[in-house]
Amino acid sequence: MTFTLEQLDSRVRERASASPDESYTARLVAKGVERCAQKLGEEAVEAAIAAVTGSTSNLPFLFKQLEALNAKDTAALSDMIQTWVDAH
């Protein structure tokens, strides 16, 4: 099964708008941008350490935390990707 970044974006935004009683992502987003940024940093460190050993198993969680950080923002994933394309 192929899962796209757009599908991840949609799923995270859906979970972020759910009840915090039902969704970890909603609870995280409700704690604010500082907590979301902290979780993103934690996942980035874990992904970097894992990469040194040749593992990419943490990368999906890094993408999820990036999306959670952006979940309340109005920036669409396509806009973020276009910004990256324009910069390179």
Foldseek 3Di string as FASTA:
>chain_A
DDDDLLNLLVVLLVLLPDDVVVHVLVVQVVVDLVSLVVQLVVLVVVCVVCVVVVDNVSVVVNSNSVSSSCSVPPDRPVNVVVVVVVVD
